[in-house]
C-alpha cells in the first residue's frame, strides 16, 4: 500500500481537521465581510481634503525642523514647553522613515497598503493554532485508538510510519497555508480595489510582506511538528494541549511575575513568546529594567536591548527539533498496546 497516500486519506477524513478548515473559512468570511461593510471608496472631495491635511502636516514638520535649527544656532530663544531633540535631524521630514499620506486622513476606508500587515499577522496566528491542534490530534487520536498498531501490521517499520505521518502533516499544513493566504490576501485586495484604496504598494512593501509571511510559514510548520511531537510523547492529544496550557500558566505568567518581584534582569530572554515575536517580526526591542539603575554618568542611558531573528530561529528550531527527536526515540521502543 502507498503509505503517504493512506496518510493523506486518513488526515483528510478526520472530522477535527474538517472542522478546523470550516472554522478557518468562517473566520476569513467574517473578517472580509466586516471589512467590506465598514469601508467605501472615497469621493474626490474626501481625497482632496485628505491631501490638504497631508500638505499641512508636512509643512508643520518642516517648520519644527527649521525652528530646531535656529534654536541650536542661537537665532531663537529656547522654549521649554516645546520638545527640542539633541539632534535636529530627528525632525527633518526628508529623513523620516514614513511621511503622512492621504490614507492617514480618510475615515472608514480600507487601505490595503496599511492593513495587509496586521491582517497577515491574524492569518498566521490562526494557522499557527491550526497546525498545532491538527498535528496533535492527528497522531494523538491514532495512538489512543490503536490506529497506529493496525497500520504497523501493514508496514512494520515504526520510524518509517511515524516519519510518513509527520511528513504528510507538514506537507498538508504547508499547502493549506499557501492556498489560504492566496485566497485571504486576494479577497482583501479585491475589497481594496472595489470598496477602498490599494495604498502605496512599492517594492519595499511587498518585500516586507513576503518576509513576514515566509517567517510565519516556518513558524506554523514548527508549531505543527511541536504539537505532533508532544502528542506522540504523551500518547494523547490532551498531552499537547495540557503541556501548552501548563507552560503558559506556570512559566509565561507565573514565572514572569516571580521574576518581576525578584527584579531579575531581562526576564523576557527566558520566555518562549519573546523568541516567537522576534522571529515573526524580524527584530524585537525590549526594555531592561536594571540597565540604568546604577547609572551615574552624563548623557543618555539606553535601557533597551534587541533580539533579532537569527537567535530566535535557533531557539525555536532547538525546541521543535528536540521534542520531535525525543518523540521518534520513544516511539521506536515504546509498547504501543
C-alpha atoms as a PDB file:
ATOM      1  CA  UNK A   1       0.000   0.000   0.000  1.00  0.00           C
ATOM      2  CA  UNK A   2       1.106   3.602  -0.586  1.00  0.00           C
ATOM      3  CA  UNK A   3       1.844   4.856   2.908  1.00  0.00           C
ATOM      4  CA  UNK A   4       1.787   8.573   2.106  1.00  0.00           C
ATOM      5  CA  UNK A   5      -1.480   8.295   0.149  1.00  0.00           C
ATOM      6  CA  UNK A   6      -3.030   6.348   3.000  1.00  0.00           C
ATOM      7  CA  UNK A   7      -1.952   9.029   5.481  1.00  0.00           C
ATOM      8  CA  UNK A   8      -3.364  11.758   3.250  1.00  0.00           C
ATOM      9  CA  UNK A   9      -6.702   9.957   3.184  1.00  0.00           C
ATOM     10  CA  UNK A  10      -6.669   9.458   6.949  1.00  0.00           C
ATOM     11  CA  UNK A  11      -5.797  13.086   7.589  1.00  0.00           C
ATOM     12  CA  UNK A  12      -8.466  14.396   5.204  1.00  0.00           C
ATOM     13  CA  UNK A  13     -11.090  12.098   6.725  1.00  0.00           C
ATOM     14  CA  UNK A  14     -10.576  13.312  10.275  1.00  0.00           C
ATOM     15  CA  UNK A  15     -13.571  15.297  11.478  1.00  0.00           C
ATOM     16  CA  UNK A  16     -11.423  17.571  13.604  1.00  0.00           C
ATOM     17  CA  UNK A  17      -9.375  18.583  10.573  1.00  0.00           C
ATOM     18  CA  UNK A  18     -12.562  19.243   8.611  1.00  0.00           C
ATOM     19  CA  UNK A  19     -13.922  21.307  11.491  1.00  0.00           C
ATOM     20  CA  UNK A  20     -10.750  23.391  11.686  1.00  0.00           C
ATOM     21  CA  UNK A  21     -10.891  24.055   7.935  1.00  0.00           C
ATOM     22  CA  UNK A  22     -14.513  25.195   8.295  1.00  0.00           C
ATOM     23  CA  UNK A  23     -13.572  27.476  11.191  1.00  0.00           C
ATOM     24  CA  UNK A  24     -10.707  28.868   9.124  1.00  0.00           C
ATOM     25  CA  UNK A  25     -13.066  29.664   6.256  1.00  0.00           C
ATOM     26  CA  UNK A  26     -15.619  31.123   8.661  1.00  0.00           C
ATOM     27  CA  UNK A  27     -13.020  33.409  10.258  1.00  0.00           C
ATOM     28  CA  UNK A  28     -11.982  34.570   6.783  1.00  0.00           C
ATOM     29  CA  UNK A  29     -15.562  35.253   5.773  1.00  0.00           C
ATOM     30  CA  UNK A  30     -16.389  37.210   8.934  1.00  0.00           C
ATOM     31  CA  UNK A  31     -13.231  39.330   8.672  1.00  0.00           C
ATOM     32  CA  UNK A  32     -13.806  40.067   4.986  1.00  0.00           C
ATOM     33  CA  UNK A  33     -17.496  40.862   5.480  1.00  0.00           C
ATOM     34  CA  UNK A  34     -16.752  43.199   8.390  1.00  0.00           C
ATOM     35  CA  UNK A  35     -14.106  44.999   6.363  1.00  0.00           C
ATOM     36  CA  UNK A  36     -16.384  45.311   3.345  1.00  0.00           C
ATOM     37  CA  UNK A  37     -19.270  46.738   5.370  1.00  0.00           C
ATOM     38  CA  UNK A  38     -17.041  49.261   7.154  1.00  0.00           C
ATOM     39  CA  UNK A  39     -15.313  50.564   4.020  1.00  0.00           C
ATOM     40  CA  UNK A  40     -16.145  52.670   0.979  1.00  0.00           C
ATOM     41  CA  UNK A  41     -14.368  54.213  -1.950  1.00  0.00           C
ATOM     42  CA  UNK A  42     -13.516  57.822  -1.071  1.00  0.00           C
ATOM     43  CA  UNK A  43     -15.014  60.597  -3.135  1.00  0.00           C
ATOM     44  CA  UNK A  44     -12.942  63.219  -4.936  1.00  0.00           C
ATOM     45  CA  UNK A  45     -13.812  65.703  -2.191  1.00  0.00           C
ATOM     46  CA  UNK A  46     -12.603  63.360   0.580  1.00  0.00           C
ATOM     47  CA  UNK A  47      -9.329  62.765  -1.268  1.00  0.00           C
ATOM     48  CA  UNK A  48      -8.792  66.495  -1.814  1.00  0.00           C
ATOM     49  CA  UNK A  49      -9.394  67.255   1.872  1.00  0.00           C
ATOM     50  CA  UNK A  50      -7.015  64.480   2.891  1.00  0.00           C
ATOM     51  CA  UNK A  51      -4.347  65.812   0.515  1.00  0.00           C
ATOM     52  CA  UNK A  52      -4.699  69.260   2.068  1.00  0.00           C
ATOM     53  CA  UNK A  53      -4.226  67.755   5.537  1.00  0.00           C
ATOM     54  CA  UNK A  54      -1.142  65.877   4.354  1.00  0.00           C
ATOM     55  CA  UNK A  55       0.383  69.084   2.980  1.00  0.00           C
ATOM     56  CA  UNK A  56      -0.370  70.915   6.233  1.00  0.00           C
ATOM     57  CA  UNK A  57       1.203  68.128   8.307  1.00  0.00           C
ATOM     58  CA  UNK A  58       4.385  68.131   6.211  1.00  0.00           C
ATOM     59  CA  UNK A  59       4.623  71.923   6.420  1.00  0.00           C
ATOM     60  CA  UNK A  60       4.310  71.667  10.202  1.00  0.00           C
ATOM     61  CA  UNK A  61       7.123  69.115  10.307  1.00  0.00           C
ATOM     62  CA  UNK A  62       9.320  71.363   8.168  1.00  0.00           C
ATOM     63  CA  UNK A  63       8.573  74.341  10.434  1.00  0.00           C
ATOM     64  CA  UNK A  64       9.509  72.328  13.540  1.00  0.00           C
ATOM     65  CA  UNK A  65      12.758  71.300  11.881  1.00  0.00           C
ATOM     66  CA  UNK A  66      13.652  74.860  10.920  1.00  0.00           C
ATOM     67  CA  UNK A  67      12.807  76.149  14.410  1.00  0.00           C
ATOM     68  CA  UNK A  68      15.086  73.496  15.937  1.00  0.00           C
ATOM     69  CA  UNK A  69      17.954  74.522  13.654  1.00  0.00           C
ATOM     70  CA  UNK A  70      17.511  78.195  14.567  1.00  0.00           C
ATOM     71  CA  UNK A  71      17.411  77.423  18.300  1.00  0.00           C
ATOM     72  CA  UNK A  72      20.617  75.400  18.005  1.00  0.00           C
ATOM     73  CA  UNK A  73      22.204  78.265  16.076  1.00  0.00           C
ATOM     74  CA  UNK A  74      21.177  80.755  18.762  1.00  0.00           C
ATOM     75  CA  UNK A  75      18.837  82.657  16.456  1.00  0.00           C
ATOM     76  CA  UNK A  76      15.779  81.839  18.575  1.00  0.00           C
ATOM     77  CA  UNK A  77      15.384  81.516  22.376  1.00  0.00           C
ATOM     78  CA  UNK A  78      14.834  78.098  23.938  1.00  0.00           C
ATOM     79  CA  UNK A  79      11.163  77.339  24.541  1.00  0.00           C
ATOM     80  CA  UNK A  80      10.825  74.967  27.490  1.00  0.00           C
ATOM     81  CA  UNK A  81       7.285  73.996  26.521  1.00  0.00           C
ATOM     82  CA  UNK A  82       8.282  72.600  23.111  1.00  0.00           C
ATOM     83  CA  UNK A  83      10.210  69.375  22.520  1.00  0.00           C
ATOM     84  CA  UNK A  84      13.743  70.008  21.324  1.00  0.00           C
ATOM     85  CA  UNK A  85      15.802  66.937  20.398  1.00  0.00           C
ATOM     86  CA  UNK A  86      19.557  66.761  20.781  1.00  0.00           C
ATOM     87  CA  UNK A  87      19.868  66.269  17.019  1.00  0.00           C
ATOM     88  CA  UNK A  88      17.565  68.290  14.789  1.00  0.00           C
ATOM     89  CA  UNK A  89      17.752  65.593  12.119  1.00  0.00           C
ATOM     90  CA  UNK A  90      15.136  63.728  14.151  1.00  0.00           C
ATOM     91  CA  UNK A  91      12.642  66.347  12.960  1.00  0.00           C
ATOM     92  CA  UNK A  92      13.816  66.531   9.362  1.00  0.00           C
ATOM     93  CA  UNK A  93      10.948  65.334   7.112  1.00  0.00           C
ATOM     94  CA  UNK A  94      13.443  64.187   4.487  1.00  0.00           C
ATOM     95  CA  UNK A  95      14.964  61.719   6.955  1.00  0.00           C
ATOM     96  CA  UNK A  96      11.735  60.234   8.322  1.00  0.00           C
ATOM     97  CA  UNK A  97      11.019  56.584   7.680  1.00  0.00           C
ATOM     98  CA  UNK A  98       7.432  57.433   6.828  1.00  0.00           C
ATOM     99  CA  UNK A  99       5.694  60.690   5.942  1.00  0.00           C
ATOM    100  CA  UNK A 100       1.948  61.318   6.238  1.00  0.00           C
ATOM    101  CA  UNK A 101      -0.072  60.027   3.301  1.00  0.00           C
ATOM    102  CA  UNK A 102      -3.613  60.583   2.068  1.00  0.00           C
ATOM    103  CA  UNK A 103      -4.852  57.312   3.553  1.00  0.00           C
ATOM    104  CA  UNK A 104      -3.978  58.559   7.053  1.00  0.00           C
ATOM    105  CA  UNK A 105      -6.704  61.175   6.841  1.00  0.00           C
ATOM    106  CA  UNK A 106      -9.500  59.081   5.332  1.00  0.00           C
ATOM    107  CA  UNK A 107     -12.079  57.551   7.656  1.00  0.00           C
ATOM    108  CA  UNK A 108     -13.959  54.301   7.012  1.00  0.00           C
ATOM    109  CA  UNK A 109     -11.780  53.479   4.029  1.00  0.00           C
ATOM    110  CA  UNK A 110      -9.957  50.152   3.818  1.00  0.00           C
ATOM    111  CA  UNK A 111      -6.398  50.711   2.583  1.00  0.00           C
ATOM    112  CA  UNK A 112      -4.654  47.503   1.579  1.00  0.00           C
ATOM    113  CA  UNK A 113      -1.183  49.001   1.954  1.00  0.00           C
ATOM    114  CA  UNK A 114      -1.847  49.860   5.604  1.00  0.00           C
ATOM    115  CA  UNK A 115      -3.956  46.889   6.678  1.00  0.00           C
ATOM    116  CA  UNK A 116      -2.287  43.998   4.849  1.00  0.00           C
ATOM    117  CA  UNK A 117       0.388  43.511   7.525  1.00  0.00           C
ATOM    118  CA  UNK A 118      -1.941  43.248  10.572  1.00  0.00           C
ATOM    119  CA  UNK A 119      -4.292  41.070   8.524  1.00  0.00           C
ATOM    120  CA  UNK A 120      -1.392  38.776   7.677  1.00  0.00           C
ATOM    121  CA  UNK A 121      -0.420  38.528  11.353  1.00  0.00           C
ATOM    122  CA  UNK A 122      -4.004  37.484  12.127  1.00  0.00           C
ATOM    123  CA  UNK A 123      -3.829  34.803   9.449  1.00  0.00           C
ATOM    124  CA  UNK A 124      -0.507  33.481  10.752  1.00  0.00           C
ATOM    125  CA  UNK A 125      -1.894  33.310  14.297  1.00  0.00           C
ATOM    126  CA  UNK A 126      -4.862  31.243  13.118  1.00  0.00           C
ATOM    127  CA  UNK A 127      -2.667  28.952  11.000  1.00  0.00           C
ATOM    128  CA  UNK A 128      -0.337  28.557  13.993  1.00  0.00           C
ATOM    129  CA  UNK A 129      -3.233  27.345  16.122  1.00  0.00           C
ATOM    130  CA  UNK A 130      -4.497  25.200  13.258  1.00  0.00           C
ATOM    131  CA  UNK A 131      -1.143  23.487  12.720  1.00  0.00           C
ATOM    132  CA  UNK A 132      -0.548  22.764  16.396  1.00  0.00           C
ATOM    133  CA  UNK A 133      -4.029  21.356  17.047  1.00  0.00           C
ATOM    134  CA  UNK A 134      -4.174  19.300  13.861  1.00  0.00           C
ATOM    135  CA  UNK A 135      -0.675  17.949  14.443  1.00  0.00           C
ATOM    136  CA  UNK A 136      -1.505  16.933  17.996  1.00  0.00           C
ATOM    137  CA  UNK A 137      -4.893  15.383  17.201  1.00  0.00           C
ATOM    138  CA  UNK A 138      -3.637  13.592  14.093  1.00  0.00           C
ATOM    139  CA  UNK A 139      -1.120  11.392  15.909  1.00  0.00           C
ATOM    140  CA  UNK A 140      -2.764  11.533  19.331  1.00  0.00           C
ATOM    141  CA  UNK A 141      -6.041  10.022  18.162  1.00  0.00           C
ATOM    142  CA  UNK A 142      -4.265   7.236  16.261  1.00  0.00           C
ATOM    143  CA  UNK A 143      -2.130   6.318  19.263  1.00  0.00           C
ATOM    144  CA  UNK A 144      -5.075   6.385  21.632  1.00  0.00           C
ATOM    145  CA  UNK A 145      -7.429   4.404  19.389  1.00  0.00           C
ATOM    146  CA  UNK A 146      -4.950   1.796  18.204  1.00  0.00           C
ATOM    147  CA  UNK A 147      -4.827   3.072  14.633  1.00  0.00           C
ATOM    148  CA  UNK A 148      -1.039   3.108  14.652  1.00  0.00           C
ATOM    149  CA  UNK A 149      -0.935  -0.553  15.698  1.00  0.00           C
ATOM    150  CA  UNK A 150      -3.197  -1.511  12.799  1.00  0.00           C
ATOM    151  CA  UNK A 151      -1.017   0.464  10.413  1.00  0.00           C
ATOM    152  CA  UNK A 152       2.124  -1.266  11.690  1.00  0.00           C
ATOM    153  CA  UNK A 153       0.605  -4.619  10.747  1.00  0.00           C
ATOM    154  CA  UNK A 154       0.802  -3.477   7.134  1.00  0.00           C
ATOM    155  CA  UNK A 155       4.087  -1.614   7.385  1.00  0.00           C
ATOM    156  CA  UNK A 156       6.065  -2.983  10.377  1.00  0.00           C
ATOM    157  CA  UNK A 157       8.626  -0.196  10.420  1.00  0.00           C
ATOM    158  CA  UNK A 158       7.939   2.203  13.221  1.00  0.00           C
ATOM    159  CA  UNK A 159      10.170   5.088  12.218  1.00  0.00           C
ATOM    160  CA  UNK A 160       9.002   4.902   8.597  1.00  0.00           C
ATOM    161  CA  UNK A 161       5.369   5.045   9.677  1.00  0.00           C
ATOM    162  CA  UNK A 162       5.913   7.912  12.100  1.00  0.00           C
ATOM    163  CA  UNK A 163       8.046   9.773   9.562  1.00  0.00           C
ATOM    164  CA  UNK A 164       5.340   9.379   6.916  1.00  0.00           C
ATOM    165  CA  UNK A 165       2.768  10.770   9.323  1.00  0.00           C
ATOM    166  CA  UNK A 166       4.913  13.778  10.188  1.00  0.00           C
ATOM    167  CA  UNK A 167       5.865  14.442   6.568  1.00  0.00           C
ATOM    168  CA  UNK A 168       2.254  14.194   5.435  1.00  0.00           C
ATOM    169  CA  UNK A 169       1.163  16.547   8.190  1.00  0.00           C
ATOM    170  CA  UNK A 170       3.780  19.182   7.329  1.00  0.00           C
ATOM    171  CA  UNK A 171       3.049  18.919   3.617  1.00  0.00           C
ATOM    172  CA  UNK A 172      -0.700  19.326   4.078  1.00  0.00           C
ATOM    173  CA  UNK A 173      -0.300  22.222   6.512  1.00  0.00           C
ATOM    174  CA  UNK A 174       2.147  23.978   4.163  1.00  0.00           C
ATOM    175  CA  UNK A 175      -0.120  23.532   1.135  1.00  0.00           C
ATOM    176  CA  UNK A 176      -3.208  24.653   3.029  1.00  0.00           C
ATOM    177  CA  UNK A 177      -1.338  27.676   4.382  1.00  0.00           C
ATOM    178  CA  UNK A 178      -0.256  28.776   0.904  1.00  0.00           C
ATOM    179  CA  UNK A 179      -3.739  28.331  -0.576  1.00  0.00           C
ATOM    180  CA  UNK A 180      -5.399  30.063   2.382  1.00  0.00           C
ATOM    181  CA  UNK A 181      -3.000  33.005   2.126  1.00  0.00           C
ATOM    182  CA  UNK A 182      -3.645  33.455  -1.587  1.00  0.00           C
ATOM    183  CA  UNK A 183      -7.403  33.409  -1.071  1.00  0.00           C
ATOM    184  CA  UNK A 184      -7.194  35.580   2.046  1.00  0.00           C
ATOM    185  CA  UNK A 185      -4.988  38.350   0.699  1.00  0.00           C
ATOM    186  CA  UNK A 186      -6.647  38.123  -2.707  1.00  0.00           C
ATOM    187  CA  UNK A 187     -10.021  38.770  -1.098  1.00  0.00           C
ATOM    188  CA  UNK A 188      -8.796  41.875   0.696  1.00  0.00           C
ATOM    189  CA  UNK A 189      -7.022  43.075  -2.437  1.00  0.00           C
ATOM    190  CA  UNK A 190     -10.356  42.863  -4.242  1.00  0.00           C
ATOM    191  CA  UNK A 191     -12.064  44.770  -1.418  1.00  0.00           C
ATOM    192  CA  UNK A 192      -9.415  47.486  -1.676  1.00  0.00           C
ATOM    193  CA  UNK A 193      -9.994  47.788  -5.418  1.00  0.00           C
ATOM    194  CA  UNK A 194     -13.787  47.906  -5.217  1.00  0.00           C
ATOM    195  CA  UNK A 195     -14.575  49.468  -1.828  1.00  0.00           C
ATOM    196  CA  UNK A 196     -11.375  51.097  -0.617  1.00  0.00           C
ATOM    197  CA  UNK A 197      -7.901  52.081  -1.757  1.00  0.00           C
ATOM    198  CA  UNK A 198      -4.855  49.961  -2.705  1.00  0.00           C
ATOM    199  CA  UNK A 199      -2.500  52.365  -0.925  1.00  0.00           C
ATOM    200  CA  UNK A 200       1.215  52.787  -1.502  1.00  0.00           C
ATOM    201  CA  UNK A 201       2.471  49.420  -2.750  1.00  0.00           C
ATOM    202  CA  UNK A 202       6.137  49.676  -3.634  1.00  0.00           C
ATOM    203  CA  UNK A 203       8.820  47.006  -3.760  1.00  0.00           C
ATOM    204  CA  UNK A 204       9.691  47.539  -0.098  1.00  0.00           C
ATOM    205  CA  UNK A 205       6.077  46.862   0.892  1.00  0.00           C
ATOM    206  CA  UNK A 206       5.929  43.533  -0.936  1.00  0.00           C
ATOM    207  CA  UNK A 207       9.368  42.579   0.362  1.00  0.00           C
ATOM    208  CA  UNK A 208       8.334  43.219   3.969  1.00  0.00           C
ATOM    209  CA  UNK A 209       5.044  41.385   3.483  1.00  0.00           C
ATOM    210  CA  UNK A 210       6.800  38.429   1.876  1.00  0.00           C
ATOM    211  CA  UNK A 211       9.334  38.306   4.702  1.00  0.00           C
ATOM    212  CA  UNK A 212       6.609  38.252   7.339  1.00  0.00           C
ATOM    213  CA  UNK A 213       4.742  35.509   5.503  1.00  0.00           C
ATOM    214  CA  UNK A 214       7.858  33.386   4.977  1.00  0.00           C
ATOM    215  CA  UNK A 215       8.788  33.573   8.653  1.00  0.00           C
ATOM    216  CA  UNK A 216       5.172  32.934   9.599  1.00  0.00           C
ATOM    217  CA  UNK A 217       5.016  29.806   7.437  1.00  0.00           C
ATOM    218  CA  UNK A 218       8.162  28.435   9.087  1.00  0.00           C
ATOM    219  CA  UNK A 219       6.603  29.136  12.485  1.00  0.00           C
ATOM    220  CA  UNK A 220       3.397  27.324  11.505  1.00  0.00           C
ATOM    221  CA  UNK A 221       5.365  24.246  10.415  1.00  0.00           C
ATOM    222  CA  UNK A 222       7.413  24.271  13.622  1.00  0.00           C
ATOM    223  CA  UNK A 223       4.216  24.508  15.683  1.00  0.00           C
ATOM    224  CA  UNK A 224       2.729  21.580  13.759  1.00  0.00           C
ATOM    225  CA  UNK A 225       5.821  19.467  14.419  1.00  0.00           C
ATOM    226  CA  UNK A 226       5.813  20.508  18.072  1.00  0.00           C
ATOM    227  CA  UNK A 227       2.173  19.506  18.559  1.00  0.00           C
ATOM    228  CA  UNK A 228       2.866  16.221  16.780  1.00  0.00           C
ATOM    229  CA  UNK A 229       5.916  15.515  18.939  1.00  0.00           C
ATOM    230  CA  UNK A 230       4.298  16.324  22.291  1.00  0.00           C
ATOM    231  CA  UNK A 231       1.218  14.233  21.469  1.00  0.00           C
ATOM    232  CA  UNK A 232       3.482  11.336  20.441  1.00  0.00           C
ATOM    233  CA  UNK A 233       5.349  11.521  23.731  1.00  0.00           C
ATOM    234  CA  UNK A 234       2.123  11.724  25.724  1.00  0.00           C
ATOM    235  CA  UNK A 235       0.226   9.219  23.535  1.00  0.00           C
ATOM    236  CA  UNK A 236      -2.804  11.515  23.512  1.00  0.00           C
ATOM    237  CA  UNK A 237      -3.968  14.804  22.018  1.00  0.00           C
ATOM    238  CA  UNK A 238      -4.685  16.116  25.504  1.00  0.00           C
ATOM    239  CA  UNK A 239      -0.991  15.794  26.354  1.00  0.00           C
ATOM    240  CA  UNK A 240      -0.116  18.520  23.857  1.00  0.00           C
ATOM    241  CA  UNK A 241      -2.942  20.774  24.995  1.00  0.00           C
ATOM    242  CA  UNK A 242      -2.061  20.237  28.647  1.00  0.00           C
ATOM    243  CA  UNK A 243       1.621  20.924  28.043  1.00  0.00           C
ATOM    244  CA  UNK A 244       0.890  24.241  26.332  1.00  0.00           C
ATOM    245  CA  UNK A 245      -1.599  25.289  28.997  1.00  0.00           C
ATOM    246  CA  UNK A 246       0.803  24.354  31.798  1.00  0.00           C
ATOM    247  CA  UNK A 247       3.669  26.220  30.169  1.00  0.00           C
ATOM    248  CA  UNK A 248       1.566  29.344  29.618  1.00  0.00           C
ATOM    249  CA  UNK A 249       0.248  29.428  33.198  1.00  0.00           C
ATOM    250  CA  UNK A 250       3.339  28.268  35.085  1.00  0.00           C
ATOM    251  CA  UNK A 251       6.090  29.930  33.091  1.00  0.00           C
ATOM    252  CA  UNK A 252       4.826  32.728  30.853  1.00  0.00           C
ATOM    253  CA  UNK A 253       2.538  34.081  33.595  1.00  0.00           C
ATOM    254  CA  UNK A 254       3.713  32.674  36.934  1.00  0.00           C
ATOM    255  CA  UNK A 255       7.459  32.773  36.399  1.00  0.00           C
ATOM    256  CA  UNK A 256       7.270  36.207  34.793  1.00  0.00           C
ATOM    257  CA  UNK A 257       5.520  37.524  37.904  1.00  0.00           C
ATOM    258  CA  UNK A 258       8.151  35.969  40.170  1.00  0.00           C
ATOM    259  CA  UNK A 259      10.950  37.455  38.047  1.00  0.00           C
ATOM    260  CA  UNK A 260       9.380  40.897  38.382  1.00  0.00           C
ATOM    261  CA  UNK A 261       9.154  40.538  42.154  1.00  0.00           C
ATOM    262  CA  UNK A 262      12.783  39.412  42.353  1.00  0.00           C
ATOM    263  CA  UNK A 263      13.825  42.146  39.918  1.00  0.00           C
ATOM    264  CA  UNK A 264      15.590  39.692  37.600  1.00  0.00           C
ATOM    265  CA  UNK A 265      17.450  41.334  34.742  1.00  0.00           C
ATOM    266  CA  UNK A 266      15.990  40.796  31.267  1.00  0.00           C
ATOM    267  CA  UNK A 267      13.357  38.183  32.140  1.00  0.00           C
ATOM    268  CA  UNK A 268      11.959  38.343  28.597  1.00  0.00           C
ATOM    269  CA  UNK A 269      15.001  36.438  27.378  1.00  0.00           C
ATOM    270  CA  UNK A 270      13.718  33.406  29.293  1.00  0.00           C
ATOM    271  CA  UNK A 271      10.282  33.408  27.648  1.00  0.00           C
ATOM    272  CA  UNK A 272       9.460  31.432  24.523  1.00  0.00           C
ATOM    273  CA  UNK A 273       6.964  34.017  23.289  1.00  0.00           C
ATOM    274  CA  UNK A 274       9.778  36.551  23.107  1.00  0.00           C
ATOM    275  CA  UNK A 275      11.555  34.445  20.501  1.00  0.00           C
ATOM    276  CA  UNK A 276       8.321  33.786  18.647  1.00  0.00           C
ATOM    277  CA  UNK A 277       7.762  37.532  18.378  1.00  0.00           C
ATOM    278  CA  UNK A 278      11.379  38.219  17.435  1.00  0.00           C
ATOM    279  CA  UNK A 279      11.307  35.614  14.684  1.00  0.00           C
ATOM    280  CA  UNK A 280       7.964  36.709  13.294  1.00  0.00           C
ATOM    281  CA  UNK A 281       8.779  40.434  13.219  1.00  0.00           C
ATOM    282  CA  UNK A 282      12.470  40.017  12.435  1.00  0.00           C
ATOM    283  CA  UNK A 283      13.577  42.221  15.308  1.00  0.00           C
ATOM    284  CA  UNK A 284      12.219  42.797  18.805  1.00  0.00           C
ATOM    285  CA  UNK A 285      13.274  45.628  21.102  1.00  0.00           C
ATOM    286  CA  UNK A 286      12.814  45.003  24.838  1.00  0.00           C
ATOM    287  CA  UNK A 287      13.217  47.045  27.990  1.00  0.00           C
ATOM    288  CA  UNK A 288      15.926  46.166  30.512  1.00  0.00           C
ATOM    289  CA  UNK A 289      14.628  47.247  33.919  1.00  0.00           C
ATOM    290  CA  UNK A 290      18.079  47.137  35.516  1.00  0.00           C
ATOM    291  CA  UNK A 291      20.204  48.717  32.817  1.00  0.00           C
ATOM    292  CA  UNK A 292      20.103  52.243  34.253  1.00  0.00           C
ATOM    293  CA  UNK A 293      19.602  51.585  37.965  1.00  0.00           C
ATOM    294  CA  UNK A 294      23.198  52.422  38.833  1.00  0.00           C
ATOM    295  CA  UNK A 295      23.755  54.902  36.036  1.00  0.00           C
ATOM    296  CA  UNK A 296      25.844  57.835  37.277  1.00  0.00           C
ATOM    297  CA  UNK A 297      27.324  59.115  34.064  1.00  0.00           C
ATOM    298  CA  UNK A 298      26.286  62.000  31.896  1.00  0.00           C
ATOM    299  CA  UNK A 299      24.175  61.789  28.810  1.00  0.00           C
ATOM    300  CA  UNK A 300      21.578  59.264  27.814  1.00  0.00           C
ATOM    301  CA  UNK A 301      21.374  55.731  29.259  1.00  0.00           C
ATOM    302  CA  UNK A 302      19.964  53.271  26.766  1.00  0.00           C
ATOM    303  CA  UNK A 303      17.852  50.714  28.638  1.00  0.00           C
ATOM    304  CA  UNK A 304      16.713  48.854  25.518  1.00  0.00           C
ATOM    305  CA  UNK A 305      18.141  45.653  24.094  1.00  0.00           C
ATOM    306  CA  UNK A 306      17.343  43.798  20.897  1.00  0.00           C
ATOM    307  CA  UNK A 307      16.660  40.193  19.940  1.00  0.00           C
ATOM    308  CA  UNK A 308      16.926  39.526  16.210  1.00  0.00           C
ATOM    309  CA  UNK A 309      15.508  36.747  14.064  1.00  0.00           C
ATOM    310  CA  UNK A 310      18.684  34.607  13.986  1.00  0.00           C
ATOM    311  CA  UNK A 311      18.926  33.649  17.695  1.00  0.00           C
ATOM    312  CA  UNK A 312      15.128  33.420  17.811  1.00  0.00           C
ATOM    313  CA  UNK A 313      15.167  30.877  14.980  1.00  0.00           C
ATOM    314  CA  UNK A 314      17.868  28.849  16.726  1.00  0.00           C
ATOM    315  CA  UNK A 315      15.756  28.665  19.902  1.00  0.00           C
ATOM    316  CA  UNK A 316      12.613  27.630  18.009  1.00  0.00           C
ATOM    317  CA  UNK A 317      14.465  25.038  15.926  1.00  0.00           C
ATOM    318  CA  UNK A 318      16.145  23.629  19.032  1.00  0.00           C
ATOM    319  CA  UNK A 319      12.801  23.271  20.823  1.00  0.00           C
ATOM    320  CA  UNK A 320      10.916  21.704  17.922  1.00  0.00           C
ATOM    321  CA  UNK A 321      13.878  19.529  16.947  1.00  0.00           C
ATOM    322  CA  UNK A 322      14.446  18.238  20.478  1.00  0.00           C
ATOM    323  CA  UNK A 323      10.783  17.371  21.029  1.00  0.00           C
ATOM    324  CA  UNK A 324      10.485  15.695  17.617  1.00  0.00           C
ATOM    325  CA  UNK A 325      13.697  13.696  18.064  1.00  0.00           C
ATOM    326  CA  UNK A 326      12.548  12.577  21.512  1.00  0.00           C
ATOM    327  CA  UNK A 327       9.195  11.533  20.073  1.00  0.00           C
ATOM    328  CA  UNK A 328      10.869   9.341  17.424  1.00  0.00           C
ATOM    329  CA  UNK A 329      13.258   7.836  20.003  1.00  0.00           C
ATOM    330  CA  UNK A 330      10.438   6.975  22.407  1.00  0.00           C
ATOM    331  CA  UNK A 331       8.128   5.710  19.653  1.00  0.00           C
ATOM    332  CA  UNK A 332      10.823   3.340  18.430  1.00  0.00           C
ATOM    333  CA  UNK A 333      10.979   1.449  21.757  1.00  0.00           C
ATOM    334  CA  UNK A 334       7.562   2.011  23.297  1.00  0.00           C
ATOM    335  CA  UNK A 335       4.966  -0.698  23.806  1.00  0.00           C
ATOM    336  CA  UNK A 336       2.019   0.538  21.737  1.00  0.00           C
ATOM    337  CA  UNK A 337      -0.564  -1.884  23.063  1.00  0.00           C
END
